[in-house]
C-alpha atoms as a PDB file:
ATOM      1  CA  MET A   1     195.867 115.628 214.499  1.00  0.00           C
ATOM      2  CA  PRO A   2     198.622 117.371 216.519  1.00  0.00           C
ATOM      3  CA  ASN A   3     199.960 120.541 215.926  1.00  0.00           C
ATOM      4  CA  THR A   4     203.514 119.959 214.003  1.00  0.00           C
ATOM      5  CA  ALA A   5     205.080 123.143 214.933  1.00  0.00           C
ATOM      6  CA  PHE A   6     204.634 121.959 218.793  1.00  0.00           C
ATOM      7  CA  ALA A   7     205.701 118.730 217.867  1.00  0.00           C
ATOM      8  CA  LYS A   8     208.579 119.280 215.713  1.00  0.00           C
ATOM      9  CA  PRO A   9     212.012 118.753 217.518  1.00  0.00           C
ATOM     10  CA  MET A  10     214.113 122.123 218.399  1.00  0.00           C
ATOM     11  CA  ASN A  11     217.488 122.771 219.337  1.00  0.00           C
ATOM     12  CA  LEU A  12     217.720 124.420 222.725  1.00  0.00           C
ATOM     13  CA  SER A  13     220.164 127.153 223.928  1.00  0.00           C
ATOM     14  CA  PRO A  14     223.138 125.737 226.435  1.00  0.00           C
ATOM     15  CA  GLU A  15     221.236 128.157 229.003  1.00  0.00           C
ATOM     16  CA  LEU A  16     218.276 125.946 228.439  1.00  0.00           C
ATOM     17  CA  GLU A  17     219.960 122.447 228.214  1.00  0.00           C
ATOM     18  CA  ALA A  18     221.620 123.313 231.539  1.00  0.00           C
ATOM     19  CA  VAL A  19     217.972 123.048 233.100  1.00  0.00           C
ATOM     20  CA  ILE A  20     216.223 120.406 231.430  1.00  0.00           C
ATOM     21  CA  GLY A  21     218.686 118.337 229.590  1.00  0.00           C
ATOM     22  CA  ALA A  22     219.884 117.966 226.044  1.00  0.00           C
ATOM     23  CA  GLY A  23     217.782 118.534 223.102  1.00  0.00           C
ATOM     24  CA  PRO A  24     216.350 118.695 220.514  1.00  0.00           C
ATOM     25  CA  LEU A  25     212.954 118.469 221.777  1.00  0.00           C
ATOM     26  CA  PRO A  26     209.717 119.556 220.732  1.00  0.00           C
ATOM     27  CA  ARG A  27     208.528 122.843 222.151  1.00  0.00           C
ATOM     28  CA  SER A  28     205.601 121.052 224.243  1.00  0.00           C
ATOM     29  CA  GLU A  29     208.192 118.779 226.034  1.00  0.00           C
ATOM     30  CA  VAL A  30     210.467 121.560 226.577  1.00  0.00           C
ATOM     31  CA  THR A  31     207.384 123.174 228.629  1.00  0.00           C
ATOM     32  CA  LYS A  32     206.828 120.115 230.449  1.00  0.00           C
ATOM     33  CA  LYS A  33     210.522 120.004 231.736  1.00  0.00           C
ATOM     34  CA  ILE A  34     210.926 123.492 232.405  1.00  0.00           C
ATOM     35  CA  TRP A  35     207.495 122.935 234.682  1.00  0.00           C
ATOM     36  CA  GLU A  36     209.351 119.548 236.282  1.00  0.00           C
ATOM     37  CA  TYR A  37     212.357 121.219 237.024  1.00  0.00           C
ATOM     38  CA  ILE A  38     210.472 124.023 238.670  1.00  0.00           C
ATOM     39  CA  LYS A  39     208.217 121.958 241.179  1.00  0.00           C
ATOM     40  CA  LYS A  40     211.070 119.793 242.027  1.00  0.00           C
ATOM     41  CA  HIS A  41     213.389 122.729 243.126  1.00  0.00           C
ATOM     42  CA  ASP A  42     210.016 124.729 244.651  1.00  0.00           C
ATOM     43  CA  LEU A  43     210.904 127.577 242.775  1.00  0.00           C
ATOM     44  CA  GLN A  44     207.216 128.895 242.422  1.00  0.00           C
ATOM     45  CA  ASN A  45     206.600 131.996 244.274  1.00  0.00           C
ATOM     46  CA  PRO A  46     204.102 131.221 247.713  1.00  0.00           C
ATOM     47  CA  ALA A  47     202.810 134.468 247.563  1.00  0.00           C
ATOM     48  CA  ASN A  48     201.833 134.108 243.983  1.00  0.00           C
ATOM     49  CA  LYS A  49     202.003 130.523 242.190  1.00  0.00           C
ATOM     50  CA  ARG A  50     201.934 132.246 238.678  1.00  0.00           C
ATOM     51  CA  ASN A  51     205.299 133.594 239.368  1.00  0.00           C
ATOM     52  CA  ILE A  52     208.529 131.409 239.203  1.00  0.00           C
ATOM     53  CA  LEU A  53     211.642 132.558 241.078  1.00  0.00           C
ATOM     54  CA  ALA A  54     214.957 131.612 239.452  1.00  0.00           C
ATOM     55  CA  ASP A  55     217.652 129.905 240.685  1.00  0.00           C
ATOM     56  CA  ASP A  56     221.217 130.442 238.775  1.00  0.00           C
ATOM     57  CA  LYS A  57     220.525 128.138 236.327  1.00  0.00           C
ATOM     58  CA  LEU A  58     216.820 129.465 235.396  1.00  0.00           C
ATOM     59  CA  LYS A  59     218.256 133.150 235.729  1.00  0.00           C
ATOM     60  CA  ALA A  60     220.724 132.179 232.849  1.00  0.00           C
ATOM     61  CA  VAL A  61     217.464 131.356 230.696  1.00  0.00           C
ATOM     62  CA  PHE A  62     214.958 134.002 232.053  1.00  0.00           C
ATOM     63  CA  GLY A  63     217.498 136.952 232.514  1.00  0.00           C
ATOM     64  CA  LYS A  64     216.156 137.871 235.617  1.00  0.00           C
ATOM     65  CA  ASP A  65     215.116 136.660 239.130  1.00  0.00           C
ATOM     66  CA  GLU A  66     211.424 136.112 238.814  1.00  0.00           C
ATOM     67  CA  VAL A  67     209.170 135.946 235.708  1.00  0.00           C
ATOM     68  CA  THR A  68     205.497 135.134 235.219  1.00  0.00           C
ATOM     69  CA  MET A  69     204.218 132.117 233.734  1.00  0.00           C
ATOM     70  CA  PHE A  70     203.321 133.996 230.384  1.00  0.00           C
ATOM     71  CA  GLU A  71     206.718 135.572 230.646  1.00  0.00           C
ATOM     72  CA  MET A  72     208.422 132.513 230.496  1.00  0.00           C
ATOM     73  CA  THR A  73     207.034 130.947 227.731  1.00  0.00           C
ATOM     74  CA  LYS A  74     207.899 133.913 225.829  1.00  0.00           C
ATOM     75  CA  ILE A  75     211.745 133.927 227.101  1.00  0.00           C
ATOM     76  CA  VAL A  76     211.741 130.249 226.595  1.00  0.00           C
ATOM     77  CA  SER A  77     210.935 130.504 223.010  1.00  0.00           C
ATOM     78  CA  GLY A  78     214.228 132.695 222.298  1.00  0.00           C
ATOM     79  CA  HIS A  79     216.216 129.494 223.334  1.00  0.00           C
ATOM     80  CA  LEU A  80     214.315 127.203 220.653  1.00  0.00           C
ATOM     81  CA  LYS A  81     215.808 127.159 217.264  1.00  0.00           C
END
């Protein structure tokens, strides 16, 4: 049985919607879409693939220039209601 907390559609902040499109979306889909965006725009730090280099849209979500994968998950949670 799937974890319903992850499957429940969440409302997204305007900053997050600017990156991945309009919600509501389940948390798992949000994570998937953020990674698609990161890969499409080549935003992984070449020296350390676990770090994400924010472009202007992601900077609005993350609040800084670079985050780790683990920080990203925590920060994105703050953009879900």
